[in-house]
């Protein structure tokens, strides 16, 4: 879903910007996120190589987004790969208006949180 990609792009920008102004902030939150099993493994050193899960959890840990926004941003993660028909059939899931609106809500909430 394109909305999930938009959330990724917004969070990537915010995380990179935060790290530029607060060097080491990503490293400081990744360890505790891994220890708490919020992240199953440490993400790649370059945030441009991350996935939605890493962006969402790191942005939430850095307080770049509100907890409610993080919860909404987690929703599209389960539906992004449903553009692949084989995967959708295997999982017995479908992308519909409701899932699309949930992803769009995540974009809006992230944009609001990141707006000064």
C-alpha atoms as a PDB file:
ATOM      1  CA  UNK A   1       0.000   0.000   0.000  1.00  0.00           C
ATOM      2  CA  UNK A   2       1.309   3.383  -0.893  1.00  0.00           C
ATOM      3  CA  UNK A   3       0.191   4.874   2.417  1.00  0.00           C
ATOM      4  CA  UNK A   4       2.601   2.556   4.236  1.00  0.00           C
ATOM      5  CA  UNK A   5       5.406   3.794   1.993  1.00  0.00           C
ATOM      6  CA  UNK A   6       4.418   7.380   2.797  1.00  0.00           C
ATOM      7  CA  UNK A   7       4.603   6.618   6.531  1.00  0.00           C
ATOM      8  CA  UNK A   8       8.063   5.090   5.996  1.00  0.00           C
ATOM      9  CA  UNK A   9       9.252   8.163   4.088  1.00  0.00           C
ATOM     10  CA  UNK A  10       7.998  10.590   6.751  1.00  0.00           C
ATOM     11  CA  UNK A  11       9.515   8.595   9.597  1.00  0.00           C
ATOM     12  CA  UNK A  12      12.822   8.125   7.769  1.00  0.00           C
ATOM     13  CA  UNK A  13      13.061  11.898   7.303  1.00  0.00           C
ATOM     14  CA  UNK A  14      12.212  12.558  10.953  1.00  0.00           C
ATOM     15  CA  UNK A  15      14.658   9.958  12.295  1.00  0.00           C
ATOM     16  CA  UNK A  16      17.505  11.157  10.073  1.00  0.00           C
ATOM     17  CA  UNK A  17      16.801  14.762  11.048  1.00  0.00           C
ATOM     18  CA  UNK A  18      16.718  13.870  14.745  1.00  0.00           C
ATOM     19  CA  UNK A  19      19.971  11.914  14.496  1.00  0.00           C
ATOM     20  CA  UNK A  20      21.620  14.847  12.716  1.00  0.00           C
ATOM     21  CA  UNK A  21      20.785  17.117  15.660  1.00  0.00           C
ATOM     22  CA  UNK A  22      21.204  14.480  18.403  1.00  0.00           C
ATOM     23  CA  UNK A  23      24.060  12.205  17.341  1.00  0.00           C
ATOM     24  CA  UNK A  24      23.850   8.744  18.869  1.00  0.00           C
ATOM     25  CA  UNK A  25      20.137   8.951  19.643  1.00  0.00           C
ATOM     26  CA  UNK A  26      19.270   5.996  17.413  1.00  0.00           C
ATOM     27  CA  UNK A  27      21.884   3.776  19.040  1.00  0.00           C
ATOM     28  CA  UNK A  28      20.625   4.805  22.471  1.00  0.00           C
ATOM     29  CA  UNK A  29      17.092   3.540  21.803  1.00  0.00           C
ATOM     30  CA  UNK A  30      17.807   0.465  19.661  1.00  0.00           C
ATOM     31  CA  UNK A  31      19.412  -1.521  22.492  1.00  0.00           C
ATOM     32  CA  UNK A  32      16.448  -1.183  24.857  1.00  0.00           C
ATOM     33  CA  UNK A  33      13.998  -1.895  22.002  1.00  0.00           C
ATOM     34  CA  UNK A  34      15.845  -5.137  21.241  1.00  0.00           C
ATOM     35  CA  UNK A  35      16.091  -6.059  24.926  1.00  0.00           C
ATOM     36  CA  UNK A  36      12.338  -5.565  25.299  1.00  0.00           C
ATOM     37  CA  UNK A  37      11.751  -7.669  22.141  1.00  0.00           C
ATOM     38  CA  UNK A  38       9.990  -4.719  20.525  1.00  0.00           C
ATOM     39  CA  UNK A  39      12.531  -5.225  17.755  1.00  0.00           C
ATOM     40  CA  UNK A  40      13.643  -8.791  17.105  1.00  0.00           C
ATOM     41  CA  UNK A  41      17.100  -7.658  15.973  1.00  0.00           C
ATOM     42  CA  UNK A  42      19.064  -4.461  15.678  1.00  0.00           C
ATOM     43  CA  UNK A  43      18.206  -2.653  12.445  1.00  0.00           C
ATOM     44  CA  UNK A  44      20.792  -1.896   9.785  1.00  0.00           C
ATOM     45  CA  UNK A  45      23.113   0.992  10.655  1.00  0.00           C
ATOM     46  CA  UNK A  46      21.692   3.019   7.759  1.00  0.00           C
ATOM     47  CA  UNK A  47      18.042   3.971   8.457  1.00  0.00           C
ATOM     48  CA  UNK A  48      17.393   4.135   4.706  1.00  0.00           C
ATOM     49  CA  UNK A  49      17.531   0.312   4.747  1.00  0.00           C
ATOM     50  CA  UNK A  50      14.937  -0.133   7.500  1.00  0.00           C
ATOM     51  CA  UNK A  51      11.367  -1.342   7.255  1.00  0.00           C
ATOM     52  CA  UNK A  52       8.162   0.115   8.656  1.00  0.00           C
ATOM     53  CA  UNK A  53       8.508  -1.750  11.953  1.00  0.00           C
ATOM     54  CA  UNK A  54      11.926  -0.254  12.694  1.00  0.00           C
ATOM     55  CA  UNK A  55      10.841   3.247  11.677  1.00  0.00           C
ATOM     56  CA  UNK A  56       7.730   3.096  13.837  1.00  0.00           C
ATOM     57  CA  UNK A  57       9.382   1.688  16.949  1.00  0.00           C
ATOM     58  CA  UNK A  58      12.454   3.933  16.809  1.00  0.00           C
ATOM     59  CA  UNK A  59      10.361   7.040  16.118  1.00  0.00           C
ATOM     60  CA  UNK A  60       8.113   6.183  19.054  1.00  0.00           C
ATOM     61  CA  UNK A  61      11.108   5.562  21.339  1.00  0.00           C
ATOM     62  CA  UNK A  62      12.581   8.911  20.299  1.00  0.00           C
ATOM     63  CA  UNK A  63       9.210  10.554  21.075  1.00  0.00           C
ATOM     64  CA  UNK A  64       8.954  11.799  17.509  1.00  0.00           C
ATOM     65  CA  UNK A  65       5.436  10.381  17.301  1.00  0.00           C
ATOM     66  CA  UNK A  66       2.724   9.902  19.903  1.00  0.00           C
ATOM     67  CA  UNK A  67       1.917   6.402  21.231  1.00  0.00           C
ATOM     68  CA  UNK A  68      -1.472   6.520  19.460  1.00  0.00           C
ATOM     69  CA  UNK A  69       0.258   7.401  16.208  1.00  0.00           C
ATOM     70  CA  UNK A  70       2.688   4.505  16.637  1.00  0.00           C
ATOM     71  CA  UNK A  71      -0.253   2.154  17.190  1.00  0.00           C
ATOM     72  CA  UNK A  72      -1.899   3.390  13.992  1.00  0.00           C
ATOM     73  CA  UNK A  73       1.378   3.195  12.060  1.00  0.00           C
ATOM     74  CA  UNK A  74       1.702  -0.468  13.017  1.00  0.00           C
ATOM     75  CA  UNK A  75      -1.557  -1.288  11.216  1.00  0.00           C
ATOM     76  CA  UNK A  76      -0.360  -0.995   7.585  1.00  0.00           C
ATOM     77  CA  UNK A  77       2.591  -3.268   8.300  1.00  0.00           C
ATOM     78  CA  UNK A  78       0.361  -6.323   8.034  1.00  0.00           C
ATOM     79  CA  UNK A  79      -1.215  -5.260   4.755  1.00  0.00           C
ATOM     80  CA  UNK A  80       1.647  -3.759   2.722  1.00  0.00           C
ATOM     81  CA  UNK A  81       2.635  -7.007   1.060  1.00  0.00           C
ATOM     82  CA  UNK A  82      -0.900  -7.865   0.048  1.00  0.00           C
ATOM     83  CA  UNK A  83      -0.273  -6.248  -3.316  1.00  0.00           C
ATOM     84  CA  UNK A  84       1.321  -9.625  -4.081  1.00  0.00           C
ATOM     85  CA  UNK A  85      -1.622 -11.903  -5.001  1.00  0.00           C
ATOM     86  CA  UNK A  86       0.143 -15.107  -3.938  1.00  0.00           C
ATOM     87  CA  UNK A  87       0.880 -13.729  -0.478  1.00  0.00           C
ATOM     88  CA  UNK A  88      -2.672 -12.470  -0.064  1.00  0.00           C
ATOM     89  CA  UNK A  89      -4.023 -15.908  -0.981  1.00  0.00           C
ATOM     90  CA  UNK A  90      -1.603 -17.740   1.339  1.00  0.00           C
ATOM     91  CA  UNK A  91      -2.491 -15.502   4.271  1.00  0.00           C
ATOM     92  CA  UNK A  92      -6.200 -15.441   3.532  1.00  0.00           C
ATOM     93  CA  UNK A  93      -6.151 -11.651   3.851  1.00  0.00           C
ATOM     94  CA  UNK A  94      -7.310  -8.928   1.564  1.00  0.00           C
ATOM     95  CA  UNK A  95      -6.738  -5.245   1.298  1.00  0.00           C
ATOM     96  CA  UNK A  96     -10.023  -3.405   1.387  1.00  0.00           C
ATOM     97  CA  UNK A  97     -11.369   0.071   2.030  1.00  0.00           C
ATOM     98  CA  UNK A  98     -10.995  -0.365   5.793  1.00  0.00           C
ATOM     99  CA  UNK A  99      -7.332  -1.362   5.655  1.00  0.00           C
ATOM    100  CA  UNK A 100      -6.628   1.408   3.151  1.00  0.00           C
ATOM    101  CA  UNK A 101      -8.280   3.990   5.417  1.00  0.00           C
ATOM    102  CA  UNK A 102      -6.318   2.696   8.421  1.00  0.00           C
ATOM    103  CA  UNK A 103      -3.085   3.191   6.487  1.00  0.00           C
ATOM    104  CA  UNK A 104      -4.181   6.648   5.368  1.00  0.00           C
ATOM    105  CA  UNK A 105      -4.991   7.544   8.976  1.00  0.00           C
ATOM    106  CA  UNK A 106      -1.440   6.562   9.908  1.00  0.00           C
ATOM    107  CA  UNK A 107      -0.064   8.960   7.274  1.00  0.00           C
ATOM    108  CA  UNK A 108      -2.196  11.803   8.641  1.00  0.00           C
ATOM    109  CA  UNK A 109      -1.279  11.150  12.276  1.00  0.00           C
ATOM    110  CA  UNK A 110       2.445  10.906  11.506  1.00  0.00           C
ATOM    111  CA  UNK A 111       2.292  14.140   9.485  1.00  0.00           C
ATOM    112  CA  UNK A 112       0.509  15.919  12.348  1.00  0.00           C
ATOM    113  CA  UNK A 113       3.021  14.669  14.920  1.00  0.00           C
ATOM    114  CA  UNK A 114       5.969  15.751  12.789  1.00  0.00           C
ATOM    115  CA  UNK A 115       4.578  19.220  12.088  1.00  0.00           C
ATOM    116  CA  UNK A 116       6.090  21.810  14.438  1.00  0.00           C
END
